[in-house]
Amino acid sequence: MGGTQFSVIAELVGTIEATFQSLKEQAAWEYGHAGYTGTIAEKTCWKRYAVVPDLKAAKRLVAEFFQKNQYEEEIGSKWGPAGVIEFKETGKTMLFFFGWASC
């Protein structure tokens, strides 16, 4: 099976773990529970990649990550953790989850 890039942005609700689990459940309902969806539903954990000031900086980091094909990094594995970048937007803490997922 192959792998594909995914990314999803959400407001922090409670903890990063709670937000992550909520996004996983939502993706599983939208794309199926059988696996190989190519979404965050395939991830079992997350790893903080960076904390940046805004969405623009977060998007730039994710784009650089994918452009460099950082397969050697843990987050670059479809079986590894999702990366998460934390940033602020209109006074709210936001999370940008990204990585590779099996499809």
PDB file of N, CA and C in Angstrom:
ATOM      1  N   MET A   1       0.831  -1.184   0.000  1.00  0.00           N
ATOM      2  CA  MET A   1       0.000   0.000   0.000  1.00  0.00           C
ATOM      3  C   MET A   1       0.874   1.245   0.000  1.00  0.00           C
ATOM      4  N   GLY A   2       0.314   2.329  -0.471  1.00  0.00           N
ATOM      5  CA  GLY A   2       1.064   3.566  -0.582  1.00  0.00           C
ATOM      6  C   GLY A   2       0.822   4.511   0.570  1.00  0.00           C
ATOM      7  N   GLY A   3       1.348   5.690   0.414  1.00  0.00           N
ATOM      8  CA  GLY A   3       1.173   6.730   1.414  1.00  0.00           C
ATOM      9  C   GLY A   3       0.840   8.039   0.727  1.00  0.00           C
ATOM     10  N   THR A   4       0.190   8.918   1.464  1.00  0.00           N
ATOM     11  CA  THR A   4      -0.174  10.218   0.930  1.00  0.00           C
ATOM     12  C   THR A   4      -0.052  11.270   2.018  1.00  0.00           C
ATOM     13  N   GLN A   5       0.121  12.507   1.613  1.00  0.00           N
ATOM     14  CA  GLN A   5       0.217  13.610   2.558  1.00  0.00           C
ATOM     15  C   GLN A   5      -1.166  13.970   3.068  1.00  0.00           C
ATOM     16  N   PHE A   6      -1.222  14.357   4.338  1.00  0.00           N
ATOM     17  CA  PHE A   6      -2.467  14.883   4.879  1.00  0.00           C
ATOM     18  C   PHE A   6      -2.140  16.112   5.724  1.00  0.00           C
ATOM     19  N   SER A   7      -3.108  16.967   5.893  1.00  0.00           N
ATOM     20  CA  SER A   7      -2.991  18.084   6.830  1.00  0.00           C
ATOM     21  C   SER A   7      -4.391  18.478   7.262  1.00  0.00           C
ATOM     22  N   VAL A   8      -4.491  18.916   8.503  1.00  0.00           N
ATOM     23  CA  VAL A   8      -5.771  19.358   9.043  1.00  0.00           C
ATOM     24  C   VAL A   8      -5.500  20.381  10.138  1.00  0.00           C
ATOM     25  N   ILE A   9      -6.290  21.440  10.147  1.00  0.00           N
ATOM     26  CA  ILE A   9      -6.148  22.516  11.120  1.00  0.00           C
ATOM     27  C   ILE A   9      -7.379  22.532  12.012  1.00  0.00           C
ATOM     28  N   ALA A  10      -7.154  22.678  13.311  1.00  0.00           N
ATOM     29  CA  ALA A  10      -8.271  22.716  14.258  1.00  0.00           C
ATOM     30  C   ALA A  10      -7.911  23.591  15.446  1.00  0.00           C
ATOM     31  N   GLU A  11      -8.932  24.119  16.072  1.00  0.00           N
ATOM     32  CA  GLU A  11      -8.731  24.866  17.314  1.00  0.00           C
ATOM     33  C   GLU A  11      -8.431  23.887  18.435  1.00  0.00           C
ATOM     34  N   LEU A  12      -7.514  24.251  19.308  1.00  0.00           N
ATOM     35  CA  LEU A  12      -7.205  23.436  20.478  1.00  0.00           C
ATOM     36  C   LEU A  12      -8.436  23.380  21.373  1.00  0.00           C
ATOM     37  N   VAL A  13      -8.895  22.166  21.655  1.00  0.00           N
ATOM     38  CA  VAL A  13     -10.033  21.961  22.551  1.00  0.00           C
ATOM     39  C   VAL A  13      -9.550  21.070  23.682  1.00  0.00           C
ATOM     40  N   GLY A  14      -9.345  21.655  24.851  1.00  0.00           N
ATOM     41  CA  GLY A  14      -8.810  20.895  25.973  1.00  0.00           C
ATOM     42  C   GLY A  14      -7.310  20.739  25.837  1.00  0.00           C
ATOM     43  N   THR A  15      -6.882  19.554  25.435  1.00  0.00           N
ATOM     44  CA  THR A  15      -5.462  19.260  25.267  1.00  0.00           C
ATOM     45  C   THR A  15      -5.172  18.925  23.806  1.00  0.00           C
ATOM     46  N   ILE A  16      -3.898  18.869  23.471  1.00  0.00           N
ATOM     47  CA  ILE A  16      -3.532  18.461  22.110  1.00  0.00           C
ATOM     48  C   ILE A  16      -4.022  17.036  21.868  1.00  0.00           C
ATOM     49  N   GLU A  17      -3.865  16.165  22.858  1.00  0.00           N
ATOM     50  CA  GLU A  17      -4.304  14.772  22.713  1.00  0.00           C
ATOM     51  C   GLU A  17      -5.811  14.685  22.465  1.00  0.00           C
ATOM     52  N   ALA A  18      -6.597  15.453  23.202  1.00  0.00           N
ATOM     53  CA  ALA A  18      -8.057  15.439  23.020  1.00  0.00           C
ATOM     54  C   ALA A  18      -8.435  15.941  21.627  1.00  0.00           C
ATOM     55  N   THR A  19      -7.762  16.990  21.174  1.00  0.00           N
ATOM     56  CA  THR A  19      -8.027  17.526  19.835  1.00  0.00           C
ATOM     57  C   THR A  19      -7.642  16.499  18.781  1.00  0.00           C
ATOM     58  N   PHE A  20      -6.493  15.860  18.955  1.00  0.00           N
ATOM     59  CA  PHE A  20      -6.021  14.825  18.032  1.00  0.00           C
ATOM     60  C   PHE A  20      -7.029  13.679  17.940  1.00  0.00           C
ATOM     61  N   GLN A  21      -7.486  13.184  19.072  1.00  0.00           N
ATOM     62  CA  GLN A  21      -8.441  12.065  19.082  1.00  0.00           C
ATOM     63  C   GLN A  21      -9.755  12.457  18.410  1.00  0.00           C
ATOM     64  N   SER A  22     -10.201  13.671  18.639  1.00  0.00           N
ATOM     65  CA  SER A  22     -11.433  14.151  18.005  1.00  0.00           C
ATOM     66  C   SER A  22     -11.285  14.202  16.481  1.00  0.00           C
ATOM     67  N   LEU A  23     -10.137  14.691  15.999  1.00  0.00           N
ATOM     68  CA  LEU A  23      -9.895  14.757  14.555  1.00  0.00           C
ATOM     69  C   LEU A  23      -9.798  13.364  13.944  1.00  0.00           C
ATOM     70  N   LYS A  24      -9.165  12.434  14.656  1.00  0.00           N
ATOM     71  CA  LYS A  24      -9.076  11.044  14.182  1.00  0.00           C
ATOM     72  C   LYS A  24     -10.466  10.438  14.030  1.00  0.00           C
ATOM     73  N   GLU A  25     -11.304  10.623  15.044  1.00  0.00           N
ATOM     74  CA  GLU A  25     -12.661  10.070  15.001  1.00  0.00           C
ATOM     75  C   GLU A  25     -13.467  10.677  13.860  1.00  0.00           C
ATOM     76  N   GLN A  26     -13.360  11.993  13.702  1.00  0.00           N
ATOM     77  CA  GLN A  26     -14.078  12.670  12.626  1.00  0.00           C
ATOM     78  C   GLN A  26     -13.640  12.143  11.257  1.00  0.00           C
ATOM     79  N   ALA A  27     -12.339  11.991  11.059  1.00  0.00           N
ATOM     80  CA  ALA A  27     -11.827  11.491   9.776  1.00  0.00           C
ATOM     81  C   ALA A  27     -12.270  10.056   9.531  1.00  0.00           C
ATOM     82  N   ALA A  28     -12.286   9.236  10.577  1.00  0.00           N
ATOM     83  CA  ALA A  28     -12.727   7.842  10.416  1.00  0.00           C
ATOM     84  C   ALA A  28     -14.188   7.792   9.992  1.00  0.00           C
ATOM     85  N   TRP A  29     -15.007   8.649  10.559  1.00  0.00           N
ATOM     86  CA  TRP A  29     -16.419   8.661  10.166  1.00  0.00           C
ATOM     87  C   TRP A  29     -16.601   9.167   8.737  1.00  0.00           C
ATOM     88  N   GLU A  30     -15.773  10.125   8.341  1.00  0.00           N
ATOM     89  CA  GLU A  30     -15.902  10.688   6.993  1.00  0.00           C
ATOM     90  C   GLU A  30     -15.318   9.782   5.911  1.00  0.00           C
ATOM     91  N   TYR A  31     -14.232   9.063   6.229  1.00  0.00           N
ATOM     92  CA  TYR A  31     -13.511   8.297   5.211  1.00  0.00           C
ATOM     93  C   TYR A  31     -13.533   6.790   5.420  1.00  0.00           C
ATOM     94  N   GLY A  32     -14.140   6.346   6.513  1.00  0.00           N
ATOM     95  CA  GLY A  32     -14.267   4.913   6.748  1.00  0.00           C
ATOM     96  C   GLY A  32     -13.382   4.418   7.876  1.00  0.00           C
ATOM     97  N   HIS A  33     -13.789   3.291   8.438  1.00  0.00           N
ATOM     98  CA  HIS A  33     -13.098   2.710   9.577  1.00  0.00           C
ATOM     99  C   HIS A  33     -12.225   1.514   9.192  1.00  0.00           C
ATOM    100  N   ALA A  34     -12.087   1.239   7.912  1.00  0.00           N
ATOM    101  CA  ALA A  34     -11.383   0.036   7.470  1.00  0.00           C
ATOM    102  C   ALA A  34      -9.875   0.232   7.317  1.00  0.00           C
ATOM    103  N   GLY A  35      -9.382   1.434   7.535  1.00  0.00           N
ATOM    104  CA  GLY A  35      -7.955   1.692   7.384  1.00  0.00           C
ATOM    105  C   GLY A  35      -7.599   2.157   5.989  1.00  0.00           C
ATOM    106  N   TYR A  36      -6.350   2.580   5.828  1.00  0.00           N
ATOM    107  CA  TYR A  36      -5.807   3.025   4.551  1.00  0.00           C
ATOM    108  C   TYR A  36      -6.622   4.174   3.939  1.00  0.00           C
ATOM    109  N   THR A  37      -7.020   5.132   4.788  1.00  0.00           N
ATOM    110  CA  THR A  37      -7.825   6.268   4.322  1.00  0.00           C
ATOM    111  C   THR A  37      -6.974   7.426   3.811  1.00  0.00           C
ATOM    112  N   GLY A  38      -5.686   7.432   4.131  1.00  0.00           N
ATOM    113  CA  GLY A  38      -4.837   8.547   3.748  1.00  0.00           C
ATOM    114  C   GLY A  38      -5.087   9.801   4.566  1.00  0.00           C
ATOM    115  N   THR A  39      -5.677   9.635   5.751  1.00  0.00           N
ATOM    116  CA  THR A  39      -6.024  10.772   6.607  1.00  0.00           C
ATOM    117  C   THR A  39      -5.406  10.620   7.991  1.00  0.00           C
ATOM    118  N   ILE A  40      -5.648  11.581   8.829  1.00  0.00           N
ATOM    119  CA  ILE A  40      -5.186  11.544  10.208  1.00  0.00           C
ATOM    120  C   ILE A  40      -5.772  10.354  10.967  1.00  0.00           C
ATOM    121  N   ALA A  41      -6.828   9.762  10.442  1.00  0.00           N
ATOM    122  CA  ALA A  41      -7.436   8.585  11.084  1.00  0.00           C
ATOM    123  C   ALA A  41      -6.447   7.432  11.204  1.00  0.00           C
ATOM    124  N   GLU A  42      -5.427   7.411  10.361  1.00  0.00           N
ATOM    125  CA  GLU A  42      -4.451   6.316  10.366  1.00  0.00           C
ATOM    126  C   GLU A  42      -3.363   6.496  11.420  1.00  0.00           C
ATOM    127  N   LYS A  43      -3.295   7.650  12.032  1.00  0.00           N
ATOM    128  CA  LYS A  43      -2.233   7.944  12.990  1.00  0.00           C
ATOM    129  C   LYS A  43      -2.607   7.475  14.394  1.00  0.00           C
ATOM    130  N   THR A  44      -1.613   6.980  15.114  1.00  0.00           N
ATOM    131  CA  THR A  44      -1.855   6.516  16.480  1.00  0.00           C
ATOM    132  C   THR A  44      -1.344   7.503  17.518  1.00  0.00           C
ATOM    133  N   CYS A  45      -0.490   8.441  17.093  1.00  0.00           N
ATOM    134  CA  CYS A  45       0.051   9.415  18.034  1.00  0.00           C
ATOM    135  C   CYS A  45       0.497  10.657  17.274  1.00  0.00           C
ATOM    136  N   TRP A  46       0.944  11.638  17.993  1.00  0.00           N
ATOM    137  CA  TRP A  46       1.406  12.889  17.399  1.00  0.00           C
ATOM    138  C   TRP A  46       2.718  13.297  18.054  1.00  0.00           C
ATOM    139  N   LYS A  47       3.439  14.192  17.377  1.00  0.00           N
ATOM    140  CA  LYS A  47       4.693  14.721  17.898  1.00  0.00           C
ATOM    141  C   LYS A  47       4.746  16.208  17.566  1.00  0.00           C
ATOM    142  N   ARG A  48       5.050  17.017  18.578  1.00  0.00           N
ATOM    143  CA  ARG A  48       5.134  18.463  18.344  1.00  0.00           C
ATOM    144  C   ARG A  48       6.322  18.744  17.431  1.00  0.00           C
ATOM    145  N   TYR A  49       6.046  19.447  16.356  1.00  0.00           N
ATOM    146  CA  TYR A  49       7.072  19.790  15.377  1.00  0.00           C
ATOM    147  C   TYR A  49       7.599  21.193  15.632  1.00  0.00           C
ATOM    148  N   ALA A  50       6.684  22.129  15.965  1.00  0.00           N
ATOM    149  CA  ALA A  50       7.091  23.512  16.197  1.00  0.00           C
ATOM    150  C   ALA A  50       5.955  24.311  16.817  1.00  0.00           C
ATOM    151  N   VAL A  51       6.311  25.445  17.384  1.00  0.00           N
ATOM    152  CA  VAL A  51       5.349  26.452  17.821  1.00  0.00           C
ATOM    153  C   VAL A  51       5.728  27.720  17.072  1.00  0.00           C
ATOM    154  N   VAL A  52       4.785  28.266  16.322  1.00  0.00           N
ATOM    155  CA  VAL A  52       5.054  29.443  15.498  1.00  0.00           C
ATOM    156  C   VAL A  52       3.996  30.511  15.790  1.00  0.00           C
ATOM    157  N   PRO A  53       4.232  31.746  15.363  1.00  0.00           N
ATOM    158  CA  PRO A  53       3.319  32.824  15.727  1.00  0.00           C
ATOM    159  C   PRO A  53       1.975  32.845  14.991  1.00  0.00           C
ATOM    160  N   ASP A  54       1.929  32.317  13.753  1.00  0.00           N
ATOM    161  CA  ASP A  54       0.684  32.452  12.992  1.00  0.00           C
ATOM    162  C   ASP A  54       0.532  31.356  11.937  1.00  0.00           C
ATOM    163  N   LEU A  55      -0.638  31.349  11.285  1.00  0.00           N
ATOM    164  CA  LEU A  55      -0.946  30.340  10.268  1.00  0.00           C
ATOM    165  C   LEU A  55       0.014  30.412   9.090  1.00  0.00           C
ATOM    166  N   LYS A  56       0.383  31.606   8.693  1.00  0.00           N
ATOM    167  CA  LYS A  56       1.300  31.756   7.554  1.00  0.00           C
ATOM    168  C   LYS A  56       2.605  31.017   7.822  1.00  0.00           C
ATOM    169  N   ALA A  57       3.156  31.183   9.012  1.00  0.00           N
ATOM    170  CA  ALA A  57       4.404  30.507   9.377  1.00  0.00           C
ATOM    171  C   ALA A  57       4.203  28.996   9.442  1.00  0.00           C
ATOM    172  N   ALA A  58       3.059  28.553   9.947  1.00  0.00           N
ATOM    173  CA  ALA A  58       2.775  27.120  10.029  1.00  0.00           C
ATOM    174  C   ALA A  58       2.683  26.512   8.631  1.00  0.00           C
ATOM    175  N   LYS A  59       1.978  27.178   7.726  1.00  0.00           N
ATOM    176  CA  LYS A  59       1.857  26.684   6.351  1.00  0.00           C
ATOM    177  C   LYS A  59       3.220  26.615   5.673  1.00  0.00           C
ATOM    178  N   ARG A  60       4.063  27.609   5.933  1.00  0.00           N
ATOM    179  CA  ARG A  60       5.394  27.623   5.332  1.00  0.00           C
ATOM    180  C   ARG A  60       6.218  26.420   5.815  1.00  0.00           C
ATOM    181  N   LEU A  61       6.164  26.126   7.114  1.00  0.00           N
ATOM    182  CA  LEU A  61       6.900  24.983   7.653  1.00  0.00           C
ATOM    183  C   LEU A  61       6.423  23.662   7.070  1.00  0.00           C
ATOM    184  N   VAL A  62       5.105  23.496   6.975  1.00  0.00           N
ATOM    185  CA  VAL A  62       4.561  22.254   6.421  1.00  0.00           C
ATOM    186  C   VAL A  62       4.950  22.114   4.955  1.00  0.00           C
ATOM    187  N   ALA A  63       4.856  23.192   4.195  1.00  0.00           N
ATOM    188  CA  ALA A  63       5.241  23.146   2.780  1.00  0.00           C
ATOM    189  C   ALA A  63       6.717  22.773   2.639  1.00  0.00           C
ATOM    190  N   GLU A  64       7.570  23.363   3.465  1.00  0.00           N
ATOM    191  CA  GLU A  64       8.994  23.034   3.421  1.00  0.00           C
ATOM    192  C   GLU A  64       9.225  21.569   3.780  1.00  0.00           C
ATOM    193  N   PHE A  65       8.512  21.089   4.768  1.00  0.00           N
ATOM    194  CA  PHE A  65       8.647  19.690   5.189  1.00  0.00           C
ATOM    195  C   PHE A  65       8.340  18.753   4.021  1.00  0.00           C
ATOM    196  N   PHE A  66       7.214  18.972   3.359  1.00  0.00           N
ATOM    197  CA  PHE A  66       6.832  18.096   2.249  1.00  0.00           C
ATOM    198  C   PHE A  66       7.739  18.289   1.026  1.00  0.00           C
ATOM    199  N   GLN A  67       8.180  19.525   0.763  1.00  0.00           N
ATOM    200  CA  GLN A  67       9.051  19.772  -0.388  1.00  0.00           C
ATOM    201  C   GLN A  67      10.398  19.084  -0.226  1.00  0.00           C
ATOM    202  N   LYS A  68      10.880  18.996   0.988  1.00  0.00           N
ATOM    203  CA  LYS A  68      12.172  18.368   1.240  1.00  0.00           C
ATOM    204  C   LYS A  68      12.070  16.849   1.295  1.00  0.00           C
ATOM    205  N   ASN A  69      10.849  16.321   1.197  1.00  0.00           N
ATOM    206  CA  ASN A  69      10.646  14.870   1.259  1.00  0.00           C
ATOM    207  C   ASN A  69      11.386  14.274   2.448  1.00  0.00           C
ATOM    208  N   GLN A  70      11.083  14.765   3.625  1.00  0.00           N
ATOM    209  CA  GLN A  70      11.804  14.379   4.820  1.00  0.00           C
ATOM    210  C   GLN A  70      11.378  12.992   5.324  1.00  0.00           C
ATOM    211  N   TYR A  71      11.556  12.005   4.468  1.00  0.00           N
ATOM    212  CA  TYR A  71      11.180  10.643   4.815  1.00  0.00           C
ATOM    213  C   TYR A  71      12.009  10.094   5.974  1.00  0.00           C
ATOM    214  N   GLU A  72      13.229  10.606   6.126  1.00  0.00           N
ATOM    215  CA  GLU A  72      14.086  10.082   7.176  1.00  0.00           C
ATOM    216  C   GLU A  72      13.623  10.497   8.565  1.00  0.00           C
ATOM    217  N   GLU A  73      12.827  11.539   8.645  1.00  0.00           N
ATOM    218  CA  GLU A  73      12.315  11.966   9.935  1.00  0.00           C
ATOM    219  C   GLU A  73      11.153  11.078  10.360  1.00  0.00           C
ATOM    220  N   GLU A  74      10.999  10.950  11.654  1.00  0.00           N
ATOM    221  CA  GLU A  74       9.929  10.125  12.211  1.00  0.00           C
ATOM    222  C   GLU A  74       8.557  10.519  11.655  1.00  0.00           C
ATOM    223  N   ILE A  75       8.296  11.806  11.558  1.00  0.00           N
ATOM    224  CA  ILE A  75       7.014  12.294  11.048  1.00  0.00           C
ATOM    225  C   ILE A  75       6.877  11.985   9.558  1.00  0.00           C
ATOM    226  N   GLY A  76       7.989  11.810   8.867  1.00  0.00           N
ATOM    227  CA  GLY A  76       7.974  11.515   7.448  1.00  0.00           C
ATOM    228  C   GLY A  76       7.568  10.089   7.119  1.00  0.00           C
ATOM    229  N   SER A  77       7.344   9.272   8.123  1.00  0.00           N
ATOM    230  CA  SER A  77       6.926   7.890   7.903  1.00  0.00           C
ATOM    231  C   SER A  77       5.409   7.774   7.955  1.00  0.00           C
ATOM    232  N   LYS A  78       4.846   7.017   7.032  1.00  0.00           N
ATOM    233  CA  LYS A  78       3.391   6.824   7.082  1.00  0.00           C
ATOM    234  C   LYS A  78       2.979   6.043   8.315  1.00  0.00           C
ATOM    235  N   TRP A  79       3.919   5.370   8.959  1.00  0.00           N
ATOM    236  CA  TRP A  79       3.613   4.613  10.182  1.00  0.00           C
ATOM    237  C   TRP A  79       4.004   5.378  11.441  1.00  0.00           C
ATOM    238  N   GLY A  80       4.673   6.526  11.286  1.00  0.00           N
ATOM    239  CA  GLY A  80       5.104   7.322  12.430  1.00  0.00           C
ATOM    240  C   GLY A  80       4.006   8.252  12.923  1.00  0.00           C
ATOM    241  N   PRO A  81       4.356   9.116  13.867  1.00  0.00           N
ATOM    242  CA  PRO A  81       3.356  10.036  14.415  1.00  0.00           C
ATOM    243  C   PRO A  81       2.993  11.148  13.438  1.00  0.00           C
ATOM    244  N   ALA A  82       1.856  11.760  13.680  1.00  0.00           N
ATOM    245  CA  ALA A  82       1.492  12.980  12.967  1.00  0.00           C
ATOM    246  C   ALA A  82       2.329  14.111  13.543  1.00  0.00           C
ATOM    247  N   GLY A  83       2.712  15.041  12.715  1.00  0.00           N
ATOM    248  CA  GLY A  83       3.373  16.241  13.210  1.00  0.00           C
ATOM    249  C   GLY A  83       2.305  17.239  13.623  1.00  0.00           C
ATOM    250  N   VAL A  84       2.622  18.085  14.572  1.00  0.00           N
ATOM    251  CA  VAL A  84       1.676  19.138  14.954  1.00  0.00           C
ATOM    252  C   VAL A  84       2.443  20.436  15.176  1.00  0.00           C
ATOM    253  N   ILE A  85       1.919  21.490  14.585  1.00  0.00           N
ATOM    254  CA  ILE A  85       2.466  22.835  14.757  1.00  0.00           C
ATOM    255  C   ILE A  85       1.405  23.654  15.468  1.00  0.00           C
ATOM    256  N   GLU A  86       1.812  24.293  16.526  1.00  0.00           N
ATOM    257  CA  GLU A  86       0.900  25.133  17.306  1.00  0.00           C
ATOM    258  C   GLU A  86       1.088  26.584  16.890  1.00  0.00           C
ATOM    259  N   PHE A  87      -0.032  27.321  16.763  1.00  0.00           N
ATOM    260  CA  PHE A  87       0.046  28.740  16.432  1.00  0.00           C
ATOM    261  C   PHE A  87      -1.179  29.451  16.992  1.00  0.00           C
ATOM    262  N   LYS A  88      -1.165  30.765  16.971  1.00  0.00           N
ATOM    263  CA  LYS A  88      -2.278  31.576  17.463  1.00  0.00           C
ATOM    264  C   LYS A  88      -3.005  32.227  16.292  1.00  0.00           C
ATOM    265  N   GLU A  89      -4.322  32.323  16.446  1.00  0.00           N
ATOM    266  CA  GLU A  89      -5.139  33.008  15.443  1.00  0.00           C
ATOM    267  C   GLU A  89      -6.302  33.660  16.165  1.00  0.00           C
ATOM    268  N   THR A  90      -6.420  34.955  16.040  1.00  0.00           N
ATOM    269  CA  THR A  90      -7.454  35.740  16.716  1.00  0.00           C
ATOM    270  C   THR A  90      -7.593  35.351  18.190  1.00  0.00           C
ATOM    271  N   GLY A  91      -6.446  35.242  18.852  1.00  0.00           N
ATOM    272  CA  GLY A  91      -6.437  34.951  20.276  1.00  0.00           C
ATOM    273  C   GLY A  91      -6.695  33.502  20.656  1.00  0.00           C
ATOM    274  N   LYS A  92      -6.879  32.632  19.676  1.00  0.00           N
ATOM    275  CA  LYS A  92      -7.136  31.219  19.938  1.00  0.00           C
ATOM    276  C   LYS A  92      -5.884  30.402  19.621  1.00  0.00           C
ATOM    277  N   THR A  93      -5.692  29.331  20.376  1.00  0.00           N
ATOM    278  CA  THR A  93      -4.609  28.410  20.074  1.00  0.00           C
ATOM    279  C   THR A  93      -5.105  27.428  19.024  1.00  0.00           C
ATOM    280  N   MET A  94      -4.362  27.334  17.936  1.00  0.00           N
ATOM    281  CA  MET A  94      -4.723  26.471  16.832  1.00  0.00           C
ATOM    282  C   MET A  94      -3.648  25.404  16.653  1.00  0.00           C
ATOM    283  N   LEU A  95      -4.044  24.274  16.068  1.00  0.00           N
ATOM    284  CA  LEU A  95      -3.133  23.160  15.825  1.00  0.00           C
ATOM    285  C   LEU A  95      -3.187  22.773  14.361  1.00  0.00           C
ATOM    286  N   PHE A  96      -2.039  22.614  13.753  1.00  0.00           N
ATOM    287  CA  PHE A  96      -1.914  22.218  12.359  1.00  0.00           C
ATOM    288  C   PHE A  96      -1.272  20.833  12.372  1.00  0.00           C
ATOM    289  N   PHE A  97      -2.087  19.795  12.174  1.00  0.00           N
ATOM    290  CA  PHE A  97      -1.582  18.421  12.116  1.00  0.00           C
ATOM    291  C   PHE A  97      -1.233  18.088  10.665  1.00  0.00           C
ATOM    292  N   PHE A  98      -0.145  17.344  10.464  1.00  0.00           N
ATOM    293  CA  PHE A  98       0.280  17.017   9.109  1.00  0.00           C
ATOM    294  C   PHE A  98       1.143  15.756   9.138  1.00  0.00           C
ATOM    295  N   GLY A  99       1.388  15.219   7.965  1.00  0.00           N
ATOM    296  CA  GLY A  99       2.278  14.075   7.847  1.00  0.00           C
ATOM    297  C   GLY A  99       1.907  13.199   6.674  1.00  0.00           C
ATOM    298  N   TRP A 100       2.367  11.972   6.748  1.00  0.00           N
ATOM    299  CA  TRP A 100       2.077  10.965   5.740  1.00  0.00           C
ATOM    300  C   TRP A 100       1.168   9.908   6.356  1.00  0.00           C
ATOM    301  N   ALA A 101       0.219   9.417   5.596  1.00  0.00           N
ATOM    302  CA  ALA A 101      -0.694   8.384   6.091  1.00  0.00           C
ATOM    303  C   ALA A 101      -0.836   7.303   5.032  1.00  0.00           C
ATOM    304  N   SER A 102      -1.058   6.077   5.496  1.00  0.00           N
ATOM    305  CA  SER A 102      -1.231   4.972   4.561  1.00  0.00           C
ATOM    306  C   SER A 102      -2.542   5.104   3.813  1.00  0.00           C
ATOM    307  N   CYS A 103      -2.495   4.710   2.548  1.00  0.00           N
ATOM    308  CA  CYS A 103      -3.704   4.769   1.712  1.00  0.00           C
ATOM    309  C   CYS A 103      -3.753   3.579   0.776  1.00  0.00           C
TER     310      CYS A 103
END
